[in-house]
Amino acid sequence: MDHRTTVAGLVGALALFALALPTAAQADDFAGDIKITKVVVNAGNDIVLGTTDVKTFTVAVTATDDSGIEVGRTFPTLWHTPLPNGDSYGLVVPDNIAGTCVHPSFTTTTCTYTLKMNPRIHLQDNTTAGTWTVRAHALANDGDYMTKPSAAKAKVLRNSKLTVNASPEPVKKNRTITVTGALTRANWETYKYGGYAKQPVKLQFKKKGTSTYKTVKTVTTDSKGNLRTTTAAMADGYFRYSFVGTSTTPAAASAADYVDVR
């Protein structure tokens, strides 16, 4: 039998199996002494999506068996974590079903797969921001197999943007300046960026000739995500806003706005 046909058949079966069992709470299914020892999503980084651009990332699956692992047989899928009512959104599968594999030893294989996530296809709505689950399968040369419904977790986040503007410029020393800005994030239902309300954001200042920002105060966004505060102009330097992020939205920092104090 043609090997490519065999792999394609396996992948099709795995995809159907994944669709039939979307719940991450399923127990591991295995035969023999095969093990899936490590799964890494996006090199350990969060997956951040905006409103239009497709995000490309990798999932690396490491498996071991005394007979060795069949190349391209560590197929992973990425699911949105099931909801309390039993529903589950999203299914992302690799572009290349064989992956790119390396063999640290005869018994161990690591295969890396490229996946693409489209905010207009894979993200049902804003509730799909947060934790997703990797379901991984591995097949050994001697026929041993293992499926881990919850092999790893990954964060899929709504991209955030932050702006700043300090005025007036230039300004006399010790005079009051007003620093405005806005914190927005991707909305996966309207496919636009909208204000992120009631979030704490740090106003920071870096004096000219130095390399470190220091926090001046914490400002809370209003109901539309806008920021506005005042502070004294003490020296030439750069103002910015900095947001630490939440469980569904990544950290963000605005560009720096230079203020000339005279």
Protein backbone atom coordinates (compact mmCIF):
# COMPACT_ATOMS: atom_id res chain seq x y z
CA MET A 1 0.00 0.00 0.00
CA ASP A 2 1.25 3.51 -0.78
CA HIS A 3 2.60 5.09 2.43
CA ARG A 4 1.02 8.48 1.65
CA THR A 5 -2.39 6.83 1.33
CA THR A 6 -1.88 5.13 4.69
CA VAL A 7 -0.96 8.41 6.42
CA ALA A 8 -3.89 10.22 4.81
CA GLY A 9 -6.23 7.50 5.99
CA LEU A 10 -4.84 7.73 9.50
CA VAL A 11 -5.22 11.51 9.57
CA GLY A 12 -8.80 11.26 8.33
CA ALA A 13 -9.60 8.72 11.02
CA LEU A 14 -7.98 10.90 13.67
CA ALA A 15 -9.93 13.96 12.56
CA LEU A 16 -13.19 12.02 12.76
CA PHE A 17 -12.19 10.67 16.17
CA ALA A 18 -11.43 14.20 17.35
CA LEU A 19 -14.82 15.40 16.16
CA ALA A 20 -16.52 12.53 17.94
CA LEU A 21 -14.70 13.19 21.21
CA PRO A 22 -14.15 16.92 21.65
CA THR A 23 -14.17 16.84 25.44
CA ALA A 24 -10.72 17.42 26.94
CA ALA A 25 -11.66 15.41 30.01
CA GLN A 26 -11.48 12.09 28.11
CA ALA A 27 -8.92 9.64 29.51
CA ASP A 28 -5.75 8.70 27.62
CA ASP A 29 -6.15 5.83 25.17
CA PHE A 30 -3.06 3.68 24.59
CA ALA A 31 -1.70 0.20 23.90
CA GLY A 32 1.83 -0.96 24.76
CA ASP A 33 4.63 1.07 26.32
CA ILE A 34 4.49 4.09 24.03
CA LYS A 35 4.49 7.52 25.66
CA ILE A 36 3.85 11.09 24.54
CA THR A 37 6.37 12.90 26.71
CA LYS A 38 6.14 16.53 25.60
CA VAL A 39 3.93 18.84 23.55
CA VAL A 40 4.92 22.47 22.90
CA VAL A 41 2.55 24.97 21.25
CA ASN A 42 3.88 28.09 19.50
CA ALA A 43 7.31 27.65 21.13
CA GLY A 44 5.69 28.21 24.50
CA ASN A 45 4.17 31.57 23.58
CA ASP A 46 0.54 32.66 23.58
CA ILE A 47 -1.32 32.66 20.25
CA VAL A 48 -2.50 36.22 19.66
CA LEU A 49 -5.01 37.06 16.92
CA GLY A 50 -6.44 40.29 15.63
CA THR A 51 -9.49 40.64 13.41
CA THR A 52 -8.22 39.67 9.95
CA ASP A 53 -4.69 38.24 9.80
CA VAL A 54 -4.21 34.48 9.87
CA LYS A 55 -1.86 33.35 12.64
CA THR A 56 0.71 30.67 11.76
CA PHE A 57 2.22 28.69 14.64
CA THR A 58 3.71 25.28 15.41
CA VAL A 59 2.92 22.32 17.63
CA ALA A 60 5.83 20.02 18.47
CA VAL A 61 5.02 16.52 19.74
CA THR A 62 7.65 14.26 21.33
CA ALA A 63 6.91 10.55 21.69
CA THR A 64 8.97 7.53 22.71
CA ASP A 65 8.71 3.76 22.33
CA ASP A 66 11.27 0.95 22.49
CA SER A 67 10.60 0.16 18.81
CA GLY A 68 10.80 3.79 17.68
CA ILE A 69 8.03 6.11 16.47
CA GLU A 70 6.67 6.03 12.93
CA VAL A 71 7.48 9.27 11.10
CA GLY A 72 4.51 11.60 10.80
CA ARG A 73 2.43 9.58 13.27
CA THR A 74 2.29 12.08 16.16
CA PHE A 75 -0.65 13.99 14.71
CA PRO A 76 -1.95 16.88 16.92
CA THR A 77 -5.22 18.84 16.81
CA LEU A 78 -6.08 22.02 18.70
CA TRP A 79 -9.49 22.44 20.32
CA HIS A 80 -11.11 25.24 22.22
CA THR A 81 -11.57 24.08 25.80
CA PRO A 82 -15.08 22.58 26.14
CA LEU A 83 -17.71 24.80 27.71
CA PRO A 84 -19.62 23.84 30.87
CA ASN A 85 -22.70 22.89 28.83
CA GLY A 86 -20.67 20.34 26.84
CA ASP A 87 -20.26 22.39 23.67
CA SER A 88 -16.83 22.86 22.12
CA TYR A 89 -15.77 25.47 19.58
CA GLY A 90 -12.98 25.36 17.06
CA LEU A 91 -10.81 22.67 15.50
CA VAL A 92 -7.39 23.47 14.02
CA VAL A 93 -5.37 20.77 12.25
CA PRO A 94 -1.84 20.83 10.74
CA ASP A 95 -1.16 22.00 7.19
CA ASN A 96 1.32 19.16 6.64
CA ILE A 97 0.07 15.85 8.00
CA ALA A 98 3.58 14.36 8.15
CA GLY A 99 5.23 17.25 9.96
CA THR A 100 8.99 17.75 10.21
CA CYS A 101 10.58 15.11 12.41
CA VAL A 102 13.89 14.73 14.21
CA HIS A 103 15.18 11.73 16.14
CA PRO A 104 17.20 12.51 19.29
CA SER A 105 17.57 8.76 19.73
CA PHE A 106 16.29 5.53 18.16
CA THR A 107 13.39 5.37 20.61
CA THR A 108 12.43 9.05 20.61
CA THR A 109 10.98 11.25 17.87
CA THR A 110 9.90 14.89 17.88
CA CYS A 111 7.63 16.00 15.04
CA THR A 112 6.82 19.67 14.49
CA TYR A 113 3.63 20.66 12.68
CA THR A 114 2.56 23.99 11.22
CA LEU A 115 -1.00 25.12 11.93
CA LYS A 116 -2.94 28.22 10.89
CA MET A 117 -5.71 29.91 12.84
CA ASN A 118 -8.09 32.28 11.09
CA PRO A 119 -10.11 34.64 13.35
CA ARG A 120 -13.01 34.53 10.88
CA ILE A 121 -13.13 30.73 10.68
CA HIS A 122 -11.80 29.10 13.85
CA LEU A 123 -12.97 31.61 16.47
CA GLN A 124 -16.67 31.23 17.09
CA ASP A 125 -16.98 34.45 19.11
CA ASN A 126 -15.22 36.32 21.92
CA THR A 127 -15.85 33.46 24.36
CA THR A 128 -13.24 31.39 22.53
CA ALA A 129 -10.49 33.61 23.92
CA GLY A 130 -8.56 31.87 26.67
CA THR A 131 -7.46 28.27 27.10
CA TRP A 132 -7.37 25.79 24.21
CA THR A 133 -6.41 22.11 24.37
CA VAL A 134 -4.05 20.01 22.24
CA ARG A 135 -5.09 16.46 21.46
CA ALA A 136 -2.10 14.39 20.32
CA HIS A 137 -1.73 10.92 18.83
CA ALA A 138 1.40 8.81 18.35
CA LEU A 139 2.00 5.44 16.67
CA ALA A 140 5.07 3.24 17.21
CA ASN A 141 6.83 0.97 14.72
CA ASP A 142 5.59 -2.11 16.58
CA GLY A 143 1.94 -1.01 16.47
CA ASP A 144 1.78 0.52 19.96
CA TYR A 145 -0.32 3.69 19.95
CA MET A 146 -1.34 6.49 22.27
CA THR A 147 -3.93 9.26 22.15
CA LYS A 148 -3.86 12.03 24.77
CA PRO A 149 -7.04 14.15 24.62
CA SER A 150 -5.41 16.76 26.86
CA ALA A 151 -1.74 16.61 25.91
CA ALA A 152 -1.10 20.36 26.41
CA LYS A 153 -2.78 23.70 26.94
CA ALA A 154 -2.38 26.92 24.96
CA LYS A 155 -3.69 30.46 25.36
CA VAL A 156 -5.47 32.04 22.38
CA LEU A 157 -5.82 35.77 23.04
CA ARG A 158 -7.55 38.83 21.57
CA ASN A 159 -4.87 41.23 20.31
CA SER A 160 -4.64 44.55 22.15
CA LYS A 161 -3.50 48.05 21.15
CA LEU A 162 -2.58 51.03 23.28
CA THR A 163 -2.04 54.68 22.35
CA VAL A 164 -0.71 57.76 24.16
CA ASN A 165 -0.59 61.52 23.66
CA ALA A 166 0.93 64.02 26.09
CA SER A 167 0.16 67.74 25.69
CA PRO A 168 0.91 70.59 25.53
CA GLU A 169 4.32 70.27 23.86
CA PRO A 170 6.60 72.02 24.61
CA VAL A 171 5.69 72.91 28.18
CA LYS A 172 7.21 74.97 30.98
CA LYS A 173 8.72 73.09 33.92
CA ASN A 174 6.29 72.24 36.73
CA ARG A 175 3.28 73.00 34.55
CA THR A 176 0.51 70.42 34.21
CA ILE A 177 0.35 68.20 31.16
CA THR A 178 -2.56 66.02 30.12
CA VAL A 179 -1.88 62.45 28.98
CA THR A 180 -4.61 60.77 26.96
CA GLY A 181 -4.80 57.43 25.19
CA ALA A 182 -6.97 54.42 24.49
CA LEU A 183 -6.84 50.67 25.14
CA THR A 184 -8.56 48.59 22.48
CA ARG A 185 -8.72 44.88 21.67
CA ALA A 186 -9.88 42.67 18.83
CA ASN A 187 -13.55 41.83 18.75
CA TRP A 188 -14.06 38.44 17.06
CA GLU A 189 -17.76 39.09 16.54
CA THR A 190 -17.63 42.48 14.77
CA TYR A 191 -14.07 42.02 13.38
CA LYS A 192 -13.17 45.49 14.61
CA TYR A 193 -11.16 46.82 17.53
CA GLY A 194 -13.24 48.06 20.46
CA GLY A 195 -12.47 49.81 23.72
CA TYR A 196 -11.45 47.66 26.70
CA ALA A 197 -13.37 49.16 29.62
CA LYS A 198 -12.46 49.41 33.30
CA GLN A 199 -8.89 48.17 32.95
CA PRO A 200 -5.92 49.41 35.03
CA VAL A 201 -3.17 50.90 32.87
CA LYS A 202 0.14 52.32 34.07
CA LEU A 203 1.31 55.77 33.02
CA GLN A 204 5.10 55.56 32.78
CA PHE A 205 7.88 58.11 32.24
CA LYS A 206 11.46 57.72 31.04
CA LYS A 207 13.71 60.71 31.61
CA LYS A 208 15.80 61.81 28.63
CA GLY A 209 19.22 60.17 28.72
CA THR A 210 18.05 57.16 30.77
CA SER A 211 16.92 53.69 29.70
CA THR A 212 14.27 52.78 32.26
CA TYR A 213 10.60 53.66 32.48
CA LYS A 214 9.19 54.41 35.92
CA THR A 215 5.51 54.21 36.80
CA VAL A 216 3.96 57.59 37.58
CA LYS A 217 0.44 56.39 38.41
CA THR A 218 -2.20 53.85 37.47
CA VAL A 219 -5.14 55.03 35.39
CA THR A 220 -8.38 53.10 34.73
CA THR A 221 -9.94 53.07 31.26
CA ASP A 222 -13.46 54.47 30.98
CA SER A 223 -16.47 52.66 29.50
CA LYS A 224 -15.06 53.15 25.99
CA GLY A 225 -11.48 52.18 26.78
CA ASN A 226 -10.22 55.77 26.88
CA LEU A 227 -7.49 57.05 29.20
CA ARG A 228 -7.02 60.55 30.56
CA THR A 229 -4.94 61.90 33.44
CA THR A 230 -2.69 64.81 34.38
CA THR A 231 0.81 65.05 35.80
CA ALA A 232 3.49 67.68 36.36
CA ALA A 233 6.14 68.28 33.69
CA MET A 234 9.40 67.92 35.59
CA ALA A 235 11.98 67.11 32.90
CA ASP A 236 12.46 66.27 29.23
CA GLY A 237 11.46 62.71 28.56
CA TYR A 238 9.07 60.11 27.21
CA PHE A 239 5.59 59.16 28.38
CA ARG A 240 3.87 55.88 27.58
CA TYR A 241 0.97 53.75 28.80
CA SER A 242 1.55 50.11 29.76
CA PHE A 243 -1.07 47.36 30.16
CA VAL A 244 -0.21 44.07 31.90
CA GLY A 245 -2.88 42.01 30.12
CA THR A 246 -5.63 39.65 31.29
CA SER A 247 -6.52 35.98 30.83
CA THR A 248 -8.04 36.77 27.41
CA THR A 249 -5.97 39.75 26.26
CA PRO A 250 -2.17 40.15 25.99
CA ALA A 251 -0.03 42.87 27.52
CA ALA A 252 0.49 46.02 25.47
CA ALA A 253 2.60 49.15 25.59
CA SER A 254 2.02 52.31 23.64
CA ALA A 255 4.65 54.05 21.56
CA ALA A 256 6.55 56.73 23.48
CA ASP A 257 5.51 60.39 23.31
CA TYR A 258 8.38 62.85 23.91
CA VAL A 259 7.73 65.98 25.96
CA ASP A 260 10.08 68.95 25.73
CA VAL A 261 10.21 70.76 29.10
CA ARG A 262 11.56 74.31 29.03
